[in-house]
């Protein structure tokens, strides 16, 4: 399967081939050199596109991984907040119980009179 080469590439390869032309070199030989240069440029562009695609895939994978990690982190924070909210009632209950016990002690010893 032959790929069509742009006119810019053709002119550039011809210019390069003429620039490295040796004395006594035929026109056909120069054309063959230009064709080789065109093929080299086309191969380079193909490899460059493949590398760009690979880098793009890696970027997408990193983005997915960081998004998944952020989602897991937010879920963990929500779980921690839920456990904090349910466990924050215990200290208040203990405080109320201790105050009631202290009031009961004062009433029983006659320091605090009710009624």
N, C-alpha and C. Protein backbone atom coordinates (compact mmCIF):
# COMPACT_ATOMS: atom_id res chain seq x y z
N UNK A 1 0.85 -1.17 0.00
CA UNK A 1 0.00 0.00 0.00
C UNK A 1 0.90 1.24 0.00
N UNK A 2 0.82 2.00 -1.06
CA UNK A 2 1.66 3.18 -1.17
C UNK A 2 0.92 4.39 -0.65
N UNK A 3 1.64 5.21 0.09
CA UNK A 3 1.04 6.41 0.62
C UNK A 3 1.41 7.58 -0.27
N UNK A 4 0.48 8.48 -0.46
CA UNK A 4 0.77 9.66 -1.25
C UNK A 4 1.56 10.63 -0.39
N UNK A 5 2.59 11.17 -0.99
CA UNK A 5 3.46 12.10 -0.29
C UNK A 5 3.08 13.51 -0.72
N UNK A 6 3.09 14.43 0.22
CA UNK A 6 2.70 15.79 -0.09
C UNK A 6 3.73 16.45 -1.01
N UNK A 7 3.31 17.48 -1.70
CA UNK A 7 4.21 18.18 -2.62
C UNK A 7 5.35 18.86 -1.86
N UNK A 8 5.08 19.29 -0.62
CA UNK A 8 6.14 19.89 0.20
C UNK A 8 7.26 18.88 0.44
N UNK A 9 6.88 17.66 0.75
CA UNK A 9 7.87 16.62 1.00
C UNK A 9 8.64 16.31 -0.28
N UNK A 10 7.93 16.27 -1.42
CA UNK A 10 8.59 16.00 -2.69
C UNK A 10 9.60 17.09 -3.03
N UNK A 11 9.19 18.34 -2.87
CA UNK A 11 10.11 19.43 -3.20
C UNK A 11 11.29 19.46 -2.23
N UNK A 12 11.03 19.20 -0.96
CA UNK A 12 12.10 19.18 0.03
C UNK A 12 13.09 18.05 -0.27
N UNK A 13 12.56 16.86 -0.60
CA UNK A 13 13.46 15.74 -0.89
C UNK A 13 14.26 15.99 -2.17
N UNK A 14 13.66 16.62 -3.17
CA UNK A 14 14.38 16.97 -4.39
C UNK A 14 15.47 17.99 -4.11
N UNK A 15 15.16 18.97 -3.29
CA UNK A 15 16.15 19.99 -2.93
C UNK A 15 17.33 19.35 -2.20
N UNK A 16 17.02 18.44 -1.27
CA UNK A 16 18.09 17.77 -0.52
C UNK A 16 18.93 16.90 -1.47
N UNK A 17 18.23 16.16 -2.35
CA UNK A 17 18.95 15.28 -3.29
C UNK A 17 19.86 16.10 -4.21
N UNK A 18 19.39 17.24 -4.66
CA UNK A 18 20.23 18.09 -5.51
C UNK A 18 21.37 18.70 -4.71
N UNK A 19 21.16 18.94 -3.44
CA UNK A 19 22.20 19.50 -2.58
C UNK A 19 23.35 18.54 -2.32
N UNK A 20 23.06 17.24 -2.33
CA UNK A 20 24.12 16.25 -2.07
C UNK A 20 24.57 15.55 -3.36
N UNK A 21 24.20 16.13 -4.49
CA UNK A 21 24.52 15.53 -5.79
C UNK A 21 26.02 15.54 -6.03
N UNK A 22 26.55 14.43 -6.51
CA UNK A 22 27.98 14.28 -6.82
C UNK A 22 28.21 14.63 -8.30
N UNK A 23 29.38 15.07 -8.61
CA UNK A 23 29.67 15.34 -10.03
C UNK A 23 29.60 14.04 -10.85
N UNK A 24 28.96 14.12 -11.99
CA UNK A 24 28.82 12.95 -12.85
C UNK A 24 27.62 12.09 -12.51
N UNK A 25 26.83 12.50 -11.55
CA UNK A 25 25.65 11.72 -11.16
C UNK A 25 24.53 11.99 -12.15
N UNK A 26 23.88 10.93 -12.60
CA UNK A 26 22.81 11.10 -13.60
C UNK A 26 21.53 11.61 -12.95
N UNK A 27 20.64 12.07 -13.80
CA UNK A 27 19.35 12.58 -13.33
C UNK A 27 18.53 11.45 -12.68
N UNK A 28 18.62 10.26 -13.23
CA UNK A 28 17.89 9.11 -12.69
C UNK A 28 18.39 8.76 -11.29
N UNK A 29 19.68 8.82 -11.10
CA UNK A 29 20.24 8.54 -9.78
C UNK A 29 19.75 9.58 -8.76
N UNK A 30 19.69 10.84 -9.18
CA UNK A 30 19.21 11.89 -8.29
C UNK A 30 17.75 11.66 -7.95
N UNK A 31 16.97 11.22 -8.94
CA UNK A 31 15.55 10.92 -8.69
C UNK A 31 15.42 9.76 -7.71
N UNK A 32 16.27 8.75 -7.83
CA UNK A 32 16.22 7.63 -6.91
C UNK A 32 16.58 8.07 -5.49
N UNK A 33 17.56 8.95 -5.38
CA UNK A 33 17.94 9.46 -4.06
C UNK A 33 16.78 10.26 -3.46
N UNK A 34 16.14 11.10 -4.30
CA UNK A 34 14.99 11.88 -3.83
C UNK A 34 13.86 10.96 -3.38
N UNK A 35 13.63 9.86 -4.11
CA UNK A 35 12.58 8.91 -3.73
C UNK A 35 12.92 8.26 -2.39
N UNK A 36 14.20 7.94 -2.18
CA UNK A 36 14.62 7.37 -0.90
C UNK A 36 14.42 8.34 0.24
N UNK A 37 14.72 9.61 -0.02
CA UNK A 37 14.52 10.63 1.00
C UNK A 37 13.03 10.78 1.31
N UNK A 38 12.18 10.76 0.27
CA UNK A 38 10.73 10.83 0.48
C UNK A 38 10.26 9.66 1.35
N UNK A 39 10.78 8.48 1.04
CA UNK A 39 10.39 7.30 1.81
C UNK A 39 10.84 7.44 3.26
N UNK A 40 12.03 7.97 3.47
CA UNK A 40 12.54 8.18 4.82
C UNK A 40 11.69 9.17 5.60
N UNK A 41 11.30 10.26 4.92
CA UNK A 41 10.46 11.26 5.58
C UNK A 41 9.09 10.66 5.92
N UNK A 42 8.53 9.88 4.99
CA UNK A 42 7.23 9.25 5.24
C UNK A 42 7.32 8.28 6.41
N UNK A 43 8.41 7.51 6.48
CA UNK A 43 8.61 6.57 7.58
C UNK A 43 8.76 7.31 8.90
N UNK A 44 9.50 8.41 8.87
CA UNK A 44 9.68 9.22 10.07
C UNK A 44 8.33 9.75 10.56
N UNK A 45 7.53 10.28 9.64
CA UNK A 45 6.21 10.80 10.03
C UNK A 45 5.33 9.71 10.60
N UNK A 46 5.41 8.51 10.01
CA UNK A 46 4.60 7.39 10.50
C UNK A 46 5.01 7.01 11.92
N UNK A 47 6.32 6.95 12.17
CA UNK A 47 6.81 6.64 13.51
C UNK A 47 6.44 7.73 14.50
N UNK A 48 6.53 8.98 14.05
CA UNK A 48 6.18 10.11 14.92
C UNK A 48 4.69 10.05 15.31
N UNK A 49 3.84 9.71 14.36
CA UNK A 49 2.41 9.58 14.66
C UNK A 49 2.16 8.43 15.63
N UNK A 50 2.87 7.33 15.45
CA UNK A 50 2.71 6.18 16.36
C UNK A 50 3.14 6.56 17.78
N UNK A 51 4.25 7.29 17.90
CA UNK A 51 4.70 7.72 19.22
C UNK A 51 3.69 8.68 19.84
N UNK A 52 3.15 9.58 19.03
CA UNK A 52 2.16 10.53 19.55
C UNK A 52 0.92 9.80 20.04
N UNK A 53 0.48 8.78 19.29
CA UNK A 53 -0.69 7.99 19.72
C UNK A 53 -0.39 7.27 21.03
N UNK A 54 0.81 6.70 21.14
CA UNK A 54 1.20 5.99 22.37
C UNK A 54 1.23 6.94 23.56
N UNK A 55 1.79 8.14 23.37
CA UNK A 55 1.82 9.12 24.45
C UNK A 55 0.42 9.55 24.85
N UNK A 56 -0.45 9.69 23.85
CA UNK A 56 -1.83 10.08 24.13
C UNK A 56 -2.54 8.98 24.94
N UNK A 57 -2.29 7.73 24.59
CA UNK A 57 -2.87 6.62 25.35
C UNK A 57 -2.38 6.64 26.79
N UNK A 58 -1.08 6.88 26.97
CA UNK A 58 -0.52 6.92 28.32
C UNK A 58 -1.12 8.07 29.12
N UNK A 59 -1.32 9.23 28.48
CA UNK A 59 -1.94 10.36 29.16
C UNK A 59 -3.35 10.01 29.61
N UNK A 60 -4.10 9.37 28.72
CA UNK A 60 -5.48 9.00 29.06
C UNK A 60 -5.49 8.00 30.21
N UNK A 61 -4.56 7.03 30.20
CA UNK A 61 -4.50 6.05 31.28
C UNK A 61 -4.16 6.72 32.61
N UNK A 62 -3.21 7.66 32.59
CA UNK A 62 -2.87 8.38 33.81
C UNK A 62 -4.05 9.20 34.31
N UNK A 63 -4.77 9.83 33.38
CA UNK A 63 -5.93 10.62 33.76
C UNK A 63 -7.01 9.74 34.38
N UNK A 64 -7.25 8.57 33.78
CA UNK A 64 -8.23 7.64 34.34
C UNK A 64 -7.81 7.17 35.72
N UNK A 65 -6.52 6.87 35.87
CA UNK A 65 -6.01 6.39 37.16
C UNK A 65 -6.14 7.47 38.22
N UNK A 66 -5.81 8.71 37.86
CA UNK A 66 -5.91 9.78 38.86
C UNK A 66 -7.37 10.08 39.19
N UNK A 67 -8.26 9.98 38.21
CA UNK A 67 -9.68 10.18 38.47
C UNK A 67 -10.21 9.09 39.38
N UNK A 68 -9.80 7.85 39.13
CA UNK A 68 -10.24 6.74 39.97
C UNK A 68 -9.70 6.89 41.39
N UNK A 69 -8.45 7.33 41.50
CA UNK A 69 -7.85 7.52 42.82
C UNK A 69 -8.57 8.64 43.58
N UNK A 70 -8.92 9.70 42.87
CA UNK A 70 -9.63 10.81 43.50
C UNK A 70 -11.02 10.35 43.96
N UNK A 71 -11.68 9.53 43.16
CA UNK A 71 -13.00 9.02 43.54
C UNK A 71 -12.89 8.13 44.78
N UNK A 72 -11.88 7.28 44.82
CA UNK A 72 -11.70 6.43 46.00
C UNK A 72 -11.38 7.27 47.23
N UNK A 73 -10.58 8.30 47.04
CA UNK A 73 -10.23 9.16 48.16
C UNK A 73 -11.45 9.90 48.69
N UNK A 74 -12.30 10.38 47.80
CA UNK A 74 -13.51 11.08 48.25
C UNK A 74 -14.46 10.12 48.96
N UNK A 75 -14.55 8.87 48.47
CA UNK A 75 -15.38 7.88 49.14
C UNK A 75 -14.84 7.59 50.55
N UNK A 76 -13.53 7.52 50.65
CA UNK A 76 -12.91 7.27 51.96
C UNK A 76 -13.19 8.43 52.91
N UNK A 77 -13.13 9.66 52.41
CA UNK A 77 -13.42 10.83 53.24
C UNK A 77 -14.87 10.81 53.71
N UNK A 78 -15.78 10.42 52.81
CA UNK A 78 -17.20 10.35 53.18
C UNK A 78 -17.39 9.31 54.27
N UNK A 79 -16.73 8.14 54.13
CA UNK A 79 -16.84 7.10 55.14
C UNK A 79 -16.31 7.59 56.48
N UNK A 80 -15.18 8.29 56.45
CA UNK A 80 -14.60 8.81 57.69
C UNK A 80 -15.53 9.83 58.33
N UNK A 81 -16.11 10.71 57.52
CA UNK A 81 -17.03 11.72 58.05
C UNK A 81 -18.27 11.07 58.66
N UNK A 82 -18.77 10.00 58.04
CA UNK A 82 -19.94 9.33 58.59
C UNK A 82 -19.62 8.68 59.92
N UNK A 83 -18.44 8.07 60.03
CA UNK A 83 -18.09 7.46 61.30
C UNK A 83 -17.83 8.52 62.35
N UNK A 84 -17.31 9.66 61.96
CA UNK A 84 -17.09 10.74 62.91
C UNK A 84 -18.41 11.28 63.44
N UNK A 85 -19.39 11.43 62.56
CA UNK A 85 -20.67 11.99 63.01
C UNK A 85 -21.39 11.04 63.96
N UNK A 86 -21.29 9.75 63.74
CA UNK A 86 -21.97 8.81 64.65
C UNK A 86 -21.19 8.66 65.95
N UNK A 87 -19.88 8.78 65.90
CA UNK A 87 -19.11 8.64 67.12
C UNK A 87 -19.04 9.94 67.92
N UNK A 88 -19.47 11.06 67.34
CA UNK A 88 -19.43 12.32 68.08
C UNK A 88 -20.57 12.40 69.11
N UNK A 89 -21.54 11.53 69.06
CA UNK A 89 -22.64 11.51 70.04
C UNK A 89 -22.18 10.91 71.36
N UNK A 90 -21.25 9.99 71.30
CA UNK A 90 -20.78 9.32 72.51
C UNK A 90 -20.18 10.29 73.52
N UNK A 91 -19.30 11.19 73.16
CA UNK A 91 -18.76 12.11 74.17
C UNK A 91 -19.84 12.99 74.81
N UNK A 92 -20.81 13.42 74.01
CA UNK A 92 -21.88 14.24 74.58
C UNK A 92 -22.74 13.45 75.56
N UNK A 93 -23.01 12.20 75.21
CA UNK A 93 -23.79 11.35 76.11
C UNK A 93 -23.02 11.11 77.42
N UNK A 94 -21.73 10.88 77.33
CA UNK A 94 -20.92 10.68 78.54
C UNK A 94 -20.87 11.96 79.38
N UNK A 95 -20.79 13.12 78.73
CA UNK A 95 -20.78 14.39 79.46
C UNK A 95 -22.09 14.59 80.21
N UNK A 96 -23.23 14.34 79.54
CA UNK A 96 -24.53 14.50 80.18
C UNK A 96 -24.67 13.52 81.36
N UNK A 97 -24.22 12.30 81.16
CA UNK A 97 -24.28 11.29 82.22
C UNK A 97 -23.42 11.70 83.42
N UNK A 98 -22.25 12.23 83.16
CA UNK A 98 -21.39 12.64 84.27
C UNK A 98 -21.99 13.83 85.02
N UNK A 99 -22.59 14.79 84.31
CA UNK A 99 -23.24 15.92 84.98
C UNK A 99 -24.43 15.45 85.82
N UNK A 100 -25.19 14.50 85.27
CA UNK A 100 -26.32 13.96 86.05
C UNK A 100 -25.82 13.24 87.30
N UNK A 101 -24.73 12.49 87.16
CA UNK A 101 -24.15 11.81 88.32
C UNK A 101 -23.64 12.81 89.35
N UNK A 102 -23.02 13.89 88.89
CA UNK A 102 -22.52 14.92 89.80
C UNK A 102 -23.68 15.61 90.53
N UNK A 103 -24.75 15.92 89.79
CA UNK A 103 -25.93 16.54 90.41
C UNK A 103 -26.56 15.59 91.42
N UNK A 104 -26.63 14.30 91.07
CA UNK A 104 -27.16 13.30 92.00
C UNK A 104 -26.32 13.21 93.25
N UNK A 105 -25.04 13.27 93.13
CA UNK A 105 -24.13 13.23 94.28
C UNK A 105 -24.35 14.45 95.19
N UNK A 106 -24.49 15.62 94.58
CA UNK A 106 -24.72 16.84 95.36
C UNK A 106 -26.06 16.80 96.08
N UNK A 107 -27.06 16.28 95.43
CA UNK A 107 -28.39 16.18 96.05
C UNK A 107 -28.34 15.19 97.21
N UNK A 108 -27.68 14.08 97.01
CA UNK A 108 -27.63 13.05 98.03
C UNK A 108 -26.84 13.51 99.27
N UNK A 109 -25.83 14.29 99.09
CA UNK A 109 -25.04 14.77 100.24
C UNK A 109 -25.61 16.05 100.84
N UNK A 110 -26.67 16.53 100.34
CA UNK A 110 -27.34 17.69 100.93
C UNK A 110 -26.74 19.02 100.53
N UNK A 111 -25.80 19.05 99.64
CA UNK A 111 -25.21 20.31 99.21
C UNK A 111 -26.20 21.05 98.32
N UNK A 112 -26.91 20.31 97.51
CA UNK A 112 -27.89 20.89 96.59
C UNK A 112 -29.26 20.42 97.02
N UNK A 113 -30.18 21.37 97.27
CA UNK A 113 -31.51 20.97 97.73
C UNK A 113 -32.50 21.12 96.59
N UNK A 114 -33.33 20.10 96.45
CA UNK A 114 -34.33 20.11 95.39
C UNK A 114 -35.66 20.50 96.02
N UNK A 115 -36.37 21.42 95.39
CA UNK A 115 -37.72 21.74 95.76
C UNK A 115 -37.96 22.60 96.87
